[in-house]
Amino acid sequence: MVRAWASMHFAYREMSKLLDERIRAESECSLSDVDVLNELHCTPDHRLQMLALADRLGVTRGGLTRIIDRLVDRGWVSRDRPEHNRREVYAVITDEGARVVQHARAVYIRVLRQTLGTHLDDVALDDLAAGMTTLRDAIT
């Protein structure tokens, strides 16, 4: 059990580091930027309430605020406060943010193919996905 956890933990850490390095080198953003932009891009309205976005990403409100500030400065995200409730704040991906995340996704997928796709066959990938889904569903 401990060996499985350690293997998963270290593989995740190394994959995250590799993905971040490649995305930074080949696109205009970081892996954490991609995580935020992708969450926004994949929602029907391309927007999420800040609290919901922080929960989805597993980050604190303060941490998300810093990331969103950076993305707003770059023109990739805007903030929206509805007139009916000025306390709510939504993060909204811009057209430029959508362009950036689409380019970064291509890098992301290529790195996954070069790593996971090279070292694990389809059966191993399916088993890994099924096992992680079972674990996630059991603990959430």
N, C-alpha and C. Protein backbone atom coordinates (compact mmCIF):
# COMPACT_ATOMS: atom_id res chain seq x y z
N MET A 1 0.82 -1.18 0.00
CA MET A 1 0.00 0.00 0.00
C MET A 1 0.88 1.27 0.00
N VAL A 2 1.84 1.33 0.90
CA VAL A 2 2.73 2.49 0.97
C VAL A 2 3.55 2.60 -0.32
N ARG A 3 3.98 1.46 -0.82
CA ARG A 3 4.77 1.47 -2.06
C ARG A 3 3.93 2.01 -3.23
N ALA A 4 2.67 1.61 -3.29
CA ALA A 4 1.79 2.10 -4.36
C ALA A 4 1.60 3.61 -4.25
N TRP A 5 1.35 4.09 -3.01
CA TRP A 5 1.18 5.52 -2.80
C TRP A 5 2.44 6.28 -3.19
N ALA A 6 3.59 5.80 -2.74
CA ALA A 6 4.85 6.49 -3.03
C ALA A 6 5.10 6.53 -4.54
N SER A 7 4.85 5.43 -5.22
CA SER A 7 5.04 5.38 -6.68
C SER A 7 4.13 6.38 -7.38
N MET A 8 2.86 6.41 -6.98
CA MET A 8 1.91 7.33 -7.57
C MET A 8 2.31 8.78 -7.28
N HIS A 9 2.67 9.05 -6.04
CA HIS A 9 3.05 10.40 -5.63
C HIS A 9 4.26 10.90 -6.41
N PHE A 10 5.31 10.08 -6.48
CA PHE A 10 6.52 10.53 -7.16
C PHE A 10 6.34 10.62 -8.67
N ALA A 11 5.56 9.70 -9.24
CA ALA A 11 5.29 9.78 -10.68
C ALA A 11 4.50 11.05 -11.00
N TYR A 12 3.50 11.36 -10.17
CA TYR A 12 2.71 12.58 -10.36
C TYR A 12 3.60 13.82 -10.26
N ARG A 13 4.46 13.84 -9.26
CA ARG A 13 5.34 15.00 -9.07
C ARG A 13 6.26 15.18 -10.27
N GLU A 14 6.85 14.11 -10.75
CA GLU A 14 7.77 14.22 -11.89
C GLU A 14 7.04 14.58 -13.17
N MET A 15 5.85 14.00 -13.38
CA MET A 15 5.06 14.35 -14.57
C MET A 15 4.64 15.82 -14.52
N SER A 16 4.22 16.29 -13.37
CA SER A 16 3.82 17.70 -13.24
C SER A 16 4.99 18.62 -13.54
N LYS A 17 6.16 18.27 -13.02
CA LYS A 17 7.35 19.08 -13.26
C LYS A 17 7.69 19.10 -14.75
N LEU A 18 7.66 17.93 -15.40
CA LEU A 18 7.95 17.85 -16.82
C LEU A 18 6.93 18.63 -17.64
N LEU A 19 5.66 18.46 -17.34
CA LEU A 19 4.62 19.20 -18.06
C LEU A 19 4.81 20.71 -17.91
N ASP A 20 5.08 21.16 -16.69
CA ASP A 20 5.28 22.59 -16.46
C ASP A 20 6.47 23.11 -17.25
N GLU A 21 7.57 22.38 -17.23
CA GLU A 21 8.78 22.80 -17.96
C GLU A 21 8.50 22.91 -19.46
N ARG A 22 7.85 21.90 -20.03
CA ARG A 22 7.58 21.90 -21.47
C ARG A 22 6.57 22.97 -21.86
N ILE A 23 5.53 23.12 -21.04
CA ILE A 23 4.52 24.14 -21.35
C ILE A 23 5.14 25.53 -21.27
N ARG A 24 5.97 25.77 -20.25
CA ARG A 24 6.64 27.07 -20.14
C ARG A 24 7.56 27.33 -21.34
N ALA A 25 8.26 26.29 -21.79
CA ALA A 25 9.20 26.44 -22.90
C ALA A 25 8.51 26.63 -24.25
N GLU A 26 7.34 26.02 -24.41
CA GLU A 26 6.72 25.99 -25.74
C GLU A 26 5.44 26.81 -25.86
N SER A 27 5.00 27.39 -24.76
CA SER A 27 3.82 28.25 -24.84
C SER A 27 4.05 29.46 -23.95
N GLU A 28 3.03 30.21 -23.72
CA GLU A 28 3.18 31.47 -23.00
C GLU A 28 2.82 31.37 -21.53
N CYS A 29 2.61 30.16 -21.01
CA CYS A 29 2.07 30.05 -19.67
C CYS A 29 2.68 28.88 -18.90
N SER A 30 2.19 28.69 -17.67
CA SER A 30 2.64 27.61 -16.81
C SER A 30 1.55 26.54 -16.71
N LEU A 31 1.87 25.43 -16.08
CA LEU A 31 0.89 24.38 -15.86
C LEU A 31 -0.27 24.89 -14.99
N SER A 32 0.03 25.68 -13.98
CA SER A 32 -1.07 26.21 -13.14
C SER A 32 -1.96 27.16 -13.93
N ASP A 33 -1.38 27.92 -14.84
CA ASP A 33 -2.19 28.77 -15.72
C ASP A 33 -3.12 27.92 -16.58
N VAL A 34 -2.57 26.83 -17.13
CA VAL A 34 -3.36 25.93 -17.98
C VAL A 34 -4.50 25.33 -17.18
N ASP A 35 -4.23 24.93 -15.94
CA ASP A 35 -5.28 24.36 -15.10
C ASP A 35 -6.45 25.33 -14.96
N VAL A 36 -6.16 26.59 -14.68
CA VAL A 36 -7.22 27.59 -14.51
C VAL A 36 -7.92 27.85 -15.83
N LEU A 37 -7.15 28.12 -16.87
CA LEU A 37 -7.74 28.42 -18.17
C LEU A 37 -8.57 27.26 -18.69
N ASN A 38 -8.09 26.05 -18.49
CA ASN A 38 -8.82 24.88 -18.97
C ASN A 38 -10.15 24.72 -18.24
N GLU A 39 -10.16 24.92 -16.92
CA GLU A 39 -11.42 24.84 -16.17
C GLU A 39 -12.42 25.84 -16.72
N LEU A 40 -11.98 27.06 -16.97
CA LEU A 40 -12.88 28.09 -17.50
C LEU A 40 -13.32 27.76 -18.92
N HIS A 41 -12.39 27.30 -19.73
CA HIS A 41 -12.68 27.02 -21.14
C HIS A 41 -13.68 25.88 -21.28
N CYS A 42 -13.67 24.94 -20.36
CA CYS A 42 -14.52 23.75 -20.46
C CYS A 42 -15.93 23.93 -19.88
N THR A 43 -16.20 25.08 -19.30
CA THR A 43 -17.55 25.33 -18.78
C THR A 43 -18.41 25.90 -19.90
N PRO A 44 -19.71 25.64 -19.86
CA PRO A 44 -20.58 26.10 -20.95
C PRO A 44 -20.50 27.61 -21.22
N ASP A 45 -20.43 28.42 -20.17
CA ASP A 45 -20.36 29.87 -20.35
C ASP A 45 -18.94 30.41 -20.31
N HIS A 46 -17.95 29.52 -20.20
CA HIS A 46 -16.54 29.91 -20.11
C HIS A 46 -16.28 30.81 -18.91
N ARG A 47 -17.00 30.52 -17.81
CA ARG A 47 -16.88 31.33 -16.60
C ARG A 47 -17.22 30.47 -15.40
N LEU A 48 -16.64 30.80 -14.28
CA LEU A 48 -16.93 30.13 -13.01
C LEU A 48 -16.84 31.14 -11.88
N GLN A 49 -17.67 30.92 -10.87
CA GLN A 49 -17.56 31.72 -9.67
C GLN A 49 -16.21 31.41 -9.04
N MET A 50 -15.55 32.42 -8.50
CA MET A 50 -14.20 32.26 -7.96
C MET A 50 -14.14 31.17 -6.89
N LEU A 51 -15.13 31.10 -6.00
CA LEU A 51 -15.12 30.08 -4.95
C LEU A 51 -15.21 28.68 -5.55
N ALA A 52 -16.05 28.51 -6.55
CA ALA A 52 -16.19 27.20 -7.20
C ALA A 52 -14.90 26.83 -7.93
N LEU A 53 -14.27 27.81 -8.55
CA LEU A 53 -13.01 27.57 -9.26
C LEU A 53 -11.92 27.16 -8.29
N ALA A 54 -11.83 27.83 -7.16
CA ALA A 54 -10.83 27.47 -6.14
C ALA A 54 -11.06 26.04 -5.66
N ASP A 55 -12.32 25.68 -5.43
CA ASP A 55 -12.64 24.32 -5.00
C ASP A 55 -12.25 23.29 -6.06
N ARG A 56 -12.57 23.57 -7.30
CA ARG A 56 -12.24 22.63 -8.39
C ARG A 56 -10.74 22.41 -8.51
N LEU A 57 -9.99 23.47 -8.29
CA LEU A 57 -8.53 23.38 -8.44
C LEU A 57 -7.82 22.93 -7.18
N GLY A 58 -8.55 22.94 -6.06
CA GLY A 58 -7.93 22.54 -4.80
C GLY A 58 -6.92 23.55 -4.29
N VAL A 59 -7.22 24.83 -4.51
CA VAL A 59 -6.34 25.91 -4.04
C VAL A 59 -7.12 26.82 -3.10
N THR A 60 -6.40 27.59 -2.33
CA THR A 60 -7.05 28.55 -1.44
C THR A 60 -7.59 29.72 -2.26
N ARG A 61 -8.51 30.46 -1.64
CA ARG A 61 -9.03 31.65 -2.31
C ARG A 61 -7.93 32.65 -2.59
N GLY A 62 -7.03 32.82 -1.60
CA GLY A 62 -5.92 33.75 -1.79
C GLY A 62 -4.99 33.32 -2.91
N GLY A 63 -4.71 32.02 -2.97
CA GLY A 63 -3.85 31.50 -4.03
C GLY A 63 -4.48 31.70 -5.39
N LEU A 64 -5.78 31.44 -5.49
CA LEU A 64 -6.47 31.63 -6.75
C LEU A 64 -6.50 33.10 -7.14
N THR A 65 -6.70 33.97 -6.17
CA THR A 65 -6.72 35.40 -6.46
C THR A 65 -5.40 35.84 -7.09
N ARG A 66 -4.30 35.36 -6.58
CA ARG A 66 -2.99 35.72 -7.16
C ARG A 66 -2.86 35.20 -8.59
N ILE A 67 -3.30 33.97 -8.83
CA ILE A 67 -3.24 33.41 -10.19
C ILE A 67 -4.14 34.23 -11.12
N ILE A 68 -5.37 34.51 -10.68
CA ILE A 68 -6.31 35.26 -11.52
C ILE A 68 -5.78 36.67 -11.78
N ASP A 69 -5.18 37.32 -10.78
CA ASP A 69 -4.58 38.64 -11.00
C ASP A 69 -3.57 38.59 -12.14
N ARG A 70 -2.74 37.57 -12.13
CA ARG A 70 -1.72 37.42 -13.18
C ARG A 70 -2.37 37.20 -14.55
N LEU A 71 -3.42 36.37 -14.58
CA LEU A 71 -4.09 36.09 -15.85
C LEU A 71 -4.87 37.29 -16.36
N VAL A 72 -5.43 38.08 -15.44
CA VAL A 72 -6.11 39.32 -15.83
C VAL A 72 -5.09 40.30 -16.43
N ASP A 73 -3.93 40.43 -15.80
CA ASP A 73 -2.88 41.32 -16.31
C ASP A 73 -2.45 40.93 -17.72
N ARG A 74 -2.47 39.64 -18.01
CA ARG A 74 -2.08 39.16 -19.34
C ARG A 74 -3.21 39.25 -20.36
N GLY A 75 -4.42 39.55 -19.88
CA GLY A 75 -5.55 39.65 -20.79
C GLY A 75 -6.20 38.32 -21.11
N TRP A 76 -5.92 37.29 -20.33
CA TRP A 76 -6.44 35.94 -20.61
C TRP A 76 -7.72 35.66 -19.84
N VAL A 77 -7.98 36.42 -18.79
CA VAL A 77 -9.16 36.25 -17.95
C VAL A 77 -9.66 37.64 -17.58
N SER A 78 -10.97 37.74 -17.42
CA SER A 78 -11.55 38.97 -16.87
C SER A 78 -12.38 38.58 -15.65
N ARG A 79 -12.64 39.56 -14.82
CA ARG A 79 -13.50 39.36 -13.66
C ARG A 79 -14.86 39.96 -13.97
N ASP A 80 -15.90 39.29 -13.50
CA ASP A 80 -17.26 39.79 -13.70
C ASP A 80 -17.98 39.75 -12.36
N ARG A 81 -18.59 40.89 -11.99
CA ARG A 81 -19.42 40.99 -10.79
C ARG A 81 -20.84 41.30 -11.24
N PRO A 82 -21.75 40.34 -11.08
CA PRO A 82 -23.13 40.59 -11.52
C PRO A 82 -23.76 41.76 -10.77
N GLU A 83 -24.57 42.52 -11.45
CA GLU A 83 -25.24 43.68 -10.84
C GLU A 83 -26.13 43.27 -9.68
N HIS A 84 -26.77 42.12 -9.76
CA HIS A 84 -27.70 41.68 -8.73
C HIS A 84 -27.03 41.22 -7.44
N ASN A 85 -25.72 40.91 -7.52
CA ASN A 85 -25.00 40.47 -6.32
C ASN A 85 -23.53 40.83 -6.48
N ARG A 86 -23.14 41.99 -6.01
CA ARG A 86 -21.78 42.50 -6.20
C ARG A 86 -20.75 41.73 -5.39
N ARG A 87 -21.20 40.88 -4.45
CA ARG A 87 -20.25 40.09 -3.66
C ARG A 87 -19.73 38.88 -4.45
N GLU A 88 -20.52 38.40 -5.40
CA GLU A 88 -20.08 37.29 -6.24
C GLU A 88 -19.06 37.80 -7.25
N VAL A 89 -18.04 37.01 -7.47
CA VAL A 89 -17.05 37.34 -8.49
C VAL A 89 -16.86 36.11 -9.36
N TYR A 90 -16.92 36.34 -10.65
CA TYR A 90 -16.72 35.27 -11.62
C TYR A 90 -15.43 35.53 -12.39
N ALA A 91 -14.72 34.44 -12.68
CA ALA A 91 -13.58 34.51 -13.59
C ALA A 91 -14.10 34.06 -14.96
N VAL A 92 -13.74 34.82 -15.99
CA VAL A 92 -14.23 34.57 -17.34
C VAL A 92 -13.03 34.51 -18.28
N ILE A 93 -12.92 33.42 -19.04
CA ILE A 93 -11.80 33.33 -19.99
C ILE A 93 -12.08 34.25 -21.18
N THR A 94 -11.06 34.94 -21.63
CA THR A 94 -11.18 35.82 -22.79
C THR A 94 -10.84 35.04 -24.06
N ASP A 95 -11.06 35.66 -25.20
CA ASP A 95 -10.70 35.01 -26.47
C ASP A 95 -9.20 34.73 -26.51
N GLU A 96 -8.41 35.66 -26.01
CA GLU A 96 -6.96 35.46 -25.98
C GLU A 96 -6.59 34.32 -25.04
N GLY A 97 -7.26 34.22 -23.91
CA GLY A 97 -7.03 33.11 -22.99
C GLY A 97 -7.38 31.78 -23.62
N ALA A 98 -8.46 31.74 -24.40
CA ALA A 98 -8.85 30.51 -25.10
C ALA A 98 -7.78 30.12 -26.11
N ARG A 99 -7.21 31.10 -26.80
CA ARG A 99 -6.14 30.82 -27.75
C ARG A 99 -4.93 30.23 -27.04
N VAL A 100 -4.56 30.83 -25.91
CA VAL A 100 -3.39 30.38 -25.15
C VAL A 100 -3.60 28.96 -24.65
N VAL A 101 -4.77 28.67 -24.10
CA VAL A 101 -4.99 27.34 -23.54
C VAL A 101 -5.06 26.28 -24.64
N GLN A 102 -5.58 26.61 -25.80
CA GLN A 102 -5.61 25.64 -26.89
C GLN A 102 -4.20 25.29 -27.34
N HIS A 103 -3.32 26.27 -27.41
CA HIS A 103 -1.93 26.00 -27.78
C HIS A 103 -1.25 25.16 -26.68
N ALA A 104 -1.44 25.55 -25.43
CA ALA A 104 -0.83 24.82 -24.32
C ALA A 104 -1.35 23.39 -24.24
N ARG A 105 -2.62 23.18 -24.55
CA ARG A 105 -3.19 21.83 -24.55
C ARG A 105 -2.47 20.93 -25.54
N ALA A 106 -2.13 21.48 -26.70
CA ALA A 106 -1.42 20.68 -27.71
C ALA A 106 -0.07 20.22 -27.16
N VAL A 107 0.63 21.11 -26.46
CA VAL A 107 1.89 20.74 -25.81
C VAL A 107 1.63 19.68 -24.76
N TYR A 108 0.64 19.89 -23.94
CA TYR A 108 0.26 18.98 -22.85
C TYR A 108 0.02 17.56 -23.39
N ILE A 109 -0.81 17.47 -24.43
CA ILE A 109 -1.14 16.16 -25.02
C ILE A 109 0.10 15.51 -25.62
N ARG A 110 0.93 16.29 -26.28
CA ARG A 110 2.15 15.74 -26.87
C ARG A 110 3.07 15.16 -25.79
N VAL A 111 3.22 15.88 -24.68
CA VAL A 111 4.07 15.39 -23.58
C VAL A 111 3.48 14.12 -22.98
N LEU A 112 2.17 14.06 -22.82
CA LEU A 112 1.54 12.85 -22.31
C LEU A 112 1.77 11.67 -23.25
N ARG A 113 1.68 11.91 -24.54
CA ARG A 113 1.95 10.82 -25.51
C ARG A 113 3.40 10.35 -25.43
N GLN A 114 4.31 11.31 -25.26
CA GLN A 114 5.74 10.97 -25.22
C GLN A 114 6.13 10.27 -23.92
N THR A 115 5.34 10.42 -22.88
CA THR A 115 5.67 9.82 -21.58
C THR A 115 4.74 8.66 -21.30
N LEU A 116 3.54 8.95 -20.88
CA LEU A 116 2.58 7.88 -20.57
C LEU A 116 2.37 6.96 -21.77
N GLY A 117 2.18 7.54 -22.93
CA GLY A 117 1.91 6.75 -24.13
C GLY A 117 3.07 5.90 -24.58
N THR A 118 4.27 6.29 -24.24
CA THR A 118 5.46 5.53 -24.62
C THR A 118 5.75 4.42 -23.62
N HIS A 119 5.51 4.67 -22.34
CA HIS A 119 5.92 3.74 -21.30
C HIS A 119 4.81 2.83 -20.79
N LEU A 120 3.55 3.16 -21.11
CA LEU A 120 2.43 2.33 -20.69
C LEU A 120 1.58 1.99 -21.90
N ASP A 121 1.22 0.71 -22.05
CA ASP A 121 0.34 0.34 -23.16
C ASP A 121 -1.10 0.69 -22.81
N ASP A 122 -2.00 0.48 -23.77
CA ASP A 122 -3.40 0.86 -23.58
C ASP A 122 -4.04 0.15 -22.39
N VAL A 123 -3.71 -1.11 -22.20
CA VAL A 123 -4.28 -1.87 -21.08
C VAL A 123 -3.81 -1.27 -19.76
N ALA A 124 -2.52 -0.96 -19.64
CA ALA A 124 -1.99 -0.37 -18.41
C ALA A 124 -2.61 1.00 -18.16
N LEU A 125 -2.78 1.80 -19.21
CA LEU A 125 -3.41 3.12 -19.06
C LEU A 125 -4.86 2.99 -18.62
N ASP A 126 -5.59 2.04 -19.21
CA ASP A 126 -6.99 1.82 -18.80
C ASP A 126 -7.06 1.36 -17.35
N ASP A 127 -6.17 0.45 -16.96
CA ASP A 127 -6.14 -0.04 -15.58
C ASP A 127 -5.82 1.10 -14.60
N LEU A 128 -4.84 1.92 -14.97
CA LEU A 128 -4.47 3.06 -14.13
C LEU A 128 -5.65 4.02 -13.96
N ALA A 129 -6.29 4.36 -15.08
CA ALA A 129 -7.44 5.27 -15.03
C ALA A 129 -8.57 4.68 -14.18
N ALA A 130 -8.85 3.40 -14.37
CA ALA A 130 -9.92 2.76 -13.60
C ALA A 130 -9.59 2.74 -12.11
N GLY A 131 -8.36 2.42 -11.78
CA GLY A 131 -7.95 2.38 -10.38
C GLY A 131 -8.02 3.75 -9.72
N MET A 132 -7.58 4.77 -10.40
CA MET A 132 -7.62 6.12 -9.84
C MET A 132 -9.06 6.62 -9.71
N THR A 133 -9.91 6.27 -10.67
CA THR A 133 -11.32 6.65 -10.59
C THR A 133 -11.98 5.97 -9.39
N THR A 134 -11.71 4.69 -9.22
CA THR A 134 -12.25 3.96 -8.07
C THR A 134 -11.80 4.59 -6.76
N LEU A 135 -10.54 4.92 -6.67
CA LEU A 135 -10.00 5.54 -5.46
C LEU A 135 -10.64 6.89 -5.22
N ARG A 136 -10.70 7.73 -6.24
CA ARG A 136 -11.29 9.07 -6.10
C ARG A 136 -12.75 8.98 -5.66
N ASP A 137 -13.51 8.10 -6.30
CA ASP A 137 -14.92 7.96 -5.96
C ASP A 137 -15.11 7.47 -4.53
N ALA A 138 -14.18 6.64 -4.06
CA ALA A 138 -14.30 6.08 -2.71
C ALA A 138 -13.98 7.10 -1.63
N ILE A 139 -13.14 8.07 -1.94
CA ILE A 139 -12.71 9.02 -0.90
C ILE A 139 -13.37 10.38 -0.99
N THR A 140 -14.19 10.59 -2.02
CA THR A 140 -14.89 11.89 -2.13
C THR A 140 -16.33 11.78 -1.74
